[in-house]
Amino acid sequence: MTTPFLCHVEWSTTDLASLQEFLTRLFGWEFQALAPGYLIYMPADGGTSIGINQSDQMRAGGSPNASVRVLDIDAMLVKAKELGGKVAVPKTEMGSGAFAFIAAPDGNLIGLQKI
């Protein structure tokens, strides 16, 4: 991998089943359970994955989240802080990879993933 790329988009919802049905019917995305309250669509061609997450409430501007696949999350967290950003969600291991969220200086959240 030479260029970081957008690898995952995630929506939060108060009605997981309804959003799943809508997205499946609209785009043909077939979701699978990844964790309690979390469904994921992983395209066979390796394109951008789509997640939907059960949430207690919706907040304006809180969804979707986009994540960028990187080789070294720890290094990216350090770099983000050097550039004026903050760690919004620390590195969290998941299966064979990990994720984190940074807040850009203007407050926008950007996900980082290593799979």
Protein backbone atom coordinates (compact mmCIF):
# COMPACT_ATOMS: atom_id res chain seq x y z
CA MET A 1 0.00 0.00 0.00
CA THR A 2 1.50 3.31 -1.03
CA THR A 3 -1.38 5.77 -0.63
CA PRO A 4 -3.76 5.90 2.34
CA PHE A 5 -7.36 5.46 1.22
CA LEU A 6 -10.90 5.62 2.54
CA CYS A 7 -11.64 2.07 3.65
CA HIS A 8 -14.74 2.22 5.87
CA VAL A 9 -17.88 4.31 6.31
CA GLU A 10 -20.11 3.88 9.35
CA TRP A 11 -23.58 5.11 10.24
CA SER A 12 -25.09 5.14 13.71
CA THR A 13 -28.81 4.50 14.11
CA THR A 14 -31.46 4.06 16.77
CA ASP A 15 -33.14 1.39 14.58
CA LEU A 16 -30.51 -1.07 13.36
CA ALA A 17 -32.93 -3.43 11.61
CA SER A 18 -34.65 -0.63 9.71
CA LEU A 19 -31.40 0.92 8.46
CA GLN A 20 -30.06 -2.50 7.51
CA GLU A 21 -33.17 -3.26 5.47
CA PHE A 22 -33.07 0.18 3.82
CA LEU A 23 -29.42 -0.07 2.78
CA THR A 24 -29.78 -3.67 1.64
CA ARG A 25 -32.80 -2.86 -0.45
CA LEU A 26 -31.38 0.36 -1.81
CA PHE A 27 -27.84 -0.78 -2.63
CA GLY A 28 -27.92 -4.58 -2.37
CA TRP A 29 -25.45 -4.59 0.54
CA GLU A 30 -25.71 -7.81 2.58
CA PHE A 31 -24.72 -7.15 6.18
CA GLN A 32 -23.31 -9.61 8.71
CA ALA A 33 -23.13 -9.29 12.48
CA LEU A 34 -19.62 -8.33 13.61
CA ALA A 35 -20.35 -7.57 17.27
CA PRO A 36 -23.47 -6.99 19.39
CA GLY A 37 -25.31 -4.02 17.90
CA TYR A 38 -22.93 -3.79 14.94
CA LEU A 39 -23.41 -4.97 11.36
CA ILE A 40 -20.90 -4.80 8.52
CA TYR A 41 -20.90 -5.14 4.76
CA MET A 42 -17.55 -6.26 3.34
CA PRO A 43 -17.49 -6.05 -0.47
CA ALA A 44 -16.00 -9.08 -2.18
CA ASP A 45 -13.87 -6.87 -4.43
CA GLY A 46 -12.09 -5.28 -1.46
CA GLY A 47 -13.81 -1.90 -1.78
CA THR A 48 -14.95 0.33 1.06
CA SER A 49 -16.65 -1.54 3.92
CA ILE A 50 -19.89 -0.21 5.41
CA GLY A 51 -20.82 -0.49 9.09
CA ILE A 52 -24.02 0.30 10.93
CA ASN A 53 -23.96 0.71 14.67
CA GLN A 54 -26.85 0.63 17.18
CA SER A 55 -26.98 3.92 19.10
CA ASP A 56 -29.21 5.14 21.93
CA GLN A 57 -29.67 8.51 20.27
CA MET A 58 -28.95 10.34 17.07
CA ARG A 59 -27.13 13.64 17.08
CA ALA A 60 -26.85 16.08 14.21
CA GLY A 61 -23.55 15.72 12.39
CA GLY A 62 -22.63 12.56 14.31
CA SER A 63 -22.97 10.15 11.42
CA PRO A 64 -21.46 8.87 9.18
CA ASN A 65 -17.89 8.35 10.26
CA ALA A 66 -15.23 7.68 7.65
CA SER A 67 -12.05 5.72 8.33
CA VAL A 68 -8.73 5.63 6.53
CA ARG A 69 -6.69 2.44 6.41
CA VAL A 70 -3.13 3.05 7.61
CA LEU A 71 -0.08 0.88 8.24
CA ASP A 72 0.71 2.16 11.75
CA ILE A 73 -2.08 3.57 13.93
CA ASP A 74 0.27 4.55 16.76
CA ALA A 75 2.42 6.65 14.43
CA MET A 76 -0.67 8.31 12.95
CA LEU A 77 -1.99 9.19 16.43
CA VAL A 78 1.33 10.85 17.25
CA LYS A 79 1.33 12.71 13.95
CA ALA A 80 -2.28 13.86 14.42
CA LYS A 81 -1.43 15.34 17.82
CA GLU A 82 1.64 17.04 16.33
CA LEU A 83 -0.63 18.66 13.75
CA GLY A 84 -3.05 20.01 16.37
CA GLY A 85 -5.52 17.13 16.47
CA LYS A 86 -6.61 15.06 19.45
CA VAL A 87 -7.17 11.38 20.09
CA ALA A 88 -10.95 11.00 20.33
CA VAL A 89 -10.96 7.19 20.70
CA PRO A 90 -7.69 5.50 21.62
CA LYS A 91 -6.32 2.59 19.65
CA THR A 92 -8.61 -0.38 20.18
CA GLU A 93 -7.71 -3.90 19.11
CA MET A 94 -10.31 -5.79 17.05
CA GLY A 95 -9.68 -9.27 15.74
CA SER A 96 -6.46 -9.15 13.75
CA GLY A 97 -6.46 -5.35 13.46
CA ALA A 98 -7.22 -2.18 15.35
CA PHE A 99 -9.00 1.15 15.07
CA ALA A 100 -8.87 4.62 16.59
CA PHE A 101 -10.53 7.99 16.02
CA ILE A 102 -8.82 11.34 15.91
CA ALA A 103 -10.47 14.74 16.12
CA ALA A 104 -9.14 17.21 13.60
CA PRO A 105 -8.44 20.72 14.90
CA ASP A 106 -11.95 21.77 13.77
CA GLY A 107 -13.54 18.85 15.64
CA ASN A 108 -14.29 16.55 12.69
CA LEU A 109 -13.78 12.89 13.53
CA ILE A 110 -11.57 10.76 11.32
CA GLY A 111 -11.27 7.03 11.85
CA LEU A 112 -8.03 5.12 11.45
CA GLN A 113 -7.98 1.39 10.76
CA LYS A 114 -5.34 -1.28 10.45
CA ILE A 115 -6.64 -4.63 9.30
